[in-house]
Structure formats: C-alpha cells, structure tokens
C-alpha cells in the first residue's frame, strides 16, 4: 500500500528527500504523516500534511524539514535539510485513513 524510499547515509548539514508512494485510491483525501524511530526510542511523529497550507512539524525539525504531496503521483515527500546526527532513525510514512504504514527507510547522519 505504501512504499517508502530515499533514505541513506549523509553528512551532518546535508539533505535528503524521502518519498512515499501509495497504491490505494483514498490517498488524495487522507492526512499523511512521517514518523521516525531511532534505536532504543519510541516512534515519534515528525511531520503531518493535512491539506495545502496545513502542515504540522515536531519542534525538533521545524525550519529544517518540509512535508509535501503530489496527489497525481500519489506520493508524499519529506525534504530534510540541515540534517543532524540526532535525525538518524528509520523513517516511516503513514496514511491515516486505513492506518497504513510504509516499510521504513533508514536515514543515517554521520561524518
């Protein structure tokens, strides 16, 4: 249902763009989230796209991360800039309608 991609190894201060492609028919009307889970920590909500002009971010990523979506491509994105080592985690996309989760993509920020 959801296929996440775009993770990798990046140096501190670098950027990555995560993508999450949906295959269902309700993507365009569902609120979409990005979560992350670091080793030994609980999964945390990073960003939410409700509608154009209505997005929410965790305080730890505000000003650095941007969530967006392309309904024609059924894809939600997470642009991550100024990455820090503490951003290292597995990132998951989530579709609220139906409670679908992507498989996760690893982001490692290290020099």
Protein backbone atom coordinates (compact mmCIF):
# COMPACT_ATOMS: atom_id res chain seq x y z
CA UNK A 1 0.00 0.00 0.00
CA UNK A 2 2.81 2.42 0.88
CA UNK A 3 6.38 2.22 -0.42
CA UNK A 4 8.97 4.49 1.18
CA UNK A 5 12.33 5.32 -0.37
CA UNK A 6 15.10 7.88 -0.38
CA UNK A 7 16.97 7.11 2.81
CA UNK A 8 20.71 6.79 3.03
CA UNK A 9 23.91 7.98 4.64
CA UNK A 10 24.52 11.73 4.71
CA UNK A 11 26.96 14.01 6.47
CA UNK A 12 25.78 16.49 9.10
CA UNK A 13 24.40 19.57 7.41
CA UNK A 14 23.39 17.61 4.35
CA UNK A 15 19.99 16.99 2.79
CA UNK A 16 17.82 14.06 1.80
CA UNK A 17 14.37 13.78 0.28
CA UNK A 18 12.20 10.85 1.28
CA UNK A 19 9.35 9.66 -0.90
CA UNK A 20 6.36 7.51 -0.10
CA UNK A 21 4.30 6.17 -2.97
CA UNK A 22 0.75 4.96 -2.35
CA UNK A 23 -1.18 2.46 -4.38
CA UNK A 24 -4.65 2.95 -2.94
CA UNK A 25 -7.48 5.13 -4.16
CA UNK A 26 -8.02 7.16 -0.99
CA UNK A 27 -4.56 8.71 -0.80
CA UNK A 28 -5.73 12.11 -2.03
CA UNK A 29 -8.23 12.56 0.81
CA UNK A 30 -6.15 11.18 3.66
CA UNK A 31 -3.96 13.05 6.09
CA UNK A 32 -0.42 11.75 5.69
CA UNK A 33 2.33 11.56 8.29
CA UNK A 34 6.02 10.86 8.53
CA UNK A 35 7.23 9.17 11.70
CA UNK A 36 10.70 8.11 12.75
CA UNK A 37 12.13 5.63 15.22
CA UNK A 38 15.67 5.78 16.49
CA UNK A 39 17.32 2.75 18.13
CA UNK A 40 16.03 2.25 21.66
CA UNK A 41 13.45 5.01 21.33
CA UNK A 42 9.73 5.18 20.70
CA UNK A 43 8.37 6.04 17.30
CA UNK A 44 7.74 9.76 17.07
CA UNK A 45 5.62 11.90 14.77
CA UNK A 46 7.83 14.13 12.64
CA UNK A 47 5.52 15.83 10.15
CA UNK A 48 1.88 15.85 9.05
CA UNK A 49 0.25 17.01 5.83
CA UNK A 50 -3.45 17.74 6.29
CA UNK A 51 -4.07 19.96 3.29
CA UNK A 52 -2.31 22.66 1.30
CA UNK A 53 -1.25 25.25 3.85
CA UNK A 54 -1.99 22.98 6.76
CA UNK A 55 1.06 21.10 7.94
CA UNK A 56 2.48 20.31 11.36
CA UNK A 57 6.01 19.56 12.48
CA UNK A 58 7.75 18.30 15.57
CA UNK A 59 9.65 21.07 17.30
CA UNK A 60 12.91 19.23 16.67
CA UNK A 61 12.55 19.51 12.88
CA UNK A 62 10.74 22.83 12.40
CA UNK A 63 12.51 25.04 9.89
CA UNK A 64 14.57 22.11 8.57
CA UNK A 65 12.04 19.57 7.27
CA UNK A 66 9.22 20.13 4.79
CA UNK A 67 6.39 17.72 4.07
CA UNK A 68 4.61 17.91 0.73
CA UNK A 69 2.48 15.73 -1.51
CA UNK A 70 1.63 15.19 -5.15
CA UNK A 71 -1.84 13.70 -5.44
CA UNK A 72 -1.43 13.00 -9.14
CA UNK A 73 1.57 10.80 -8.34
CA UNK A 74 0.03 9.53 -5.08
CA UNK A 75 3.26 10.41 -3.35
CA UNK A 76 4.14 12.23 -0.15
CA UNK A 77 7.60 13.68 0.36
CA UNK A 78 9.77 14.71 3.28
CA UNK A 79 12.52 17.16 2.38
CA UNK A 80 15.12 17.12 5.11
CA UNK A 81 17.73 19.86 5.24
CA UNK A 82 20.45 20.75 7.74
CA UNK A 83 20.47 17.18 8.96
CA UNK A 84 21.90 16.40 12.38
CA UNK A 85 23.20 13.13 13.85
CA UNK A 86 20.13 13.05 16.09
CA UNK A 87 17.95 12.77 12.97
CA UNK A 88 19.33 9.26 12.47
CA UNK A 89 16.38 6.86 12.51
CA UNK A 90 14.16 4.66 10.42
CA UNK A 91 11.54 6.88 8.80
CA UNK A 92 8.02 5.63 8.15
CA UNK A 93 5.18 7.12 6.15
CA UNK A 94 1.65 6.68 7.41
CA UNK A 95 -1.75 7.08 5.80
CA UNK A 96 -4.34 7.83 8.45
CA UNK A 97 -7.35 6.56 6.52
CA UNK A 98 -6.98 2.84 6.79
CA UNK A 99 -3.98 3.20 9.16
CA UNK A 100 -1.47 2.06 6.55
CA UNK A 101 2.29 2.13 7.14
CA UNK A 102 5.21 2.09 4.78
CA UNK A 103 8.05 -0.35 5.34
CA UNK A 104 10.50 2.26 6.63
CA UNK A 105 13.64 3.76 5.15
CA UNK A 106 16.88 4.20 7.08
CA UNK A 107 18.39 7.67 7.43
CA UNK A 108 21.87 7.87 8.92
CA UNK A 109 23.53 11.21 9.57
CA UNK A 110 27.20 10.77 10.30
CA UNK A 111 30.58 12.11 9.32
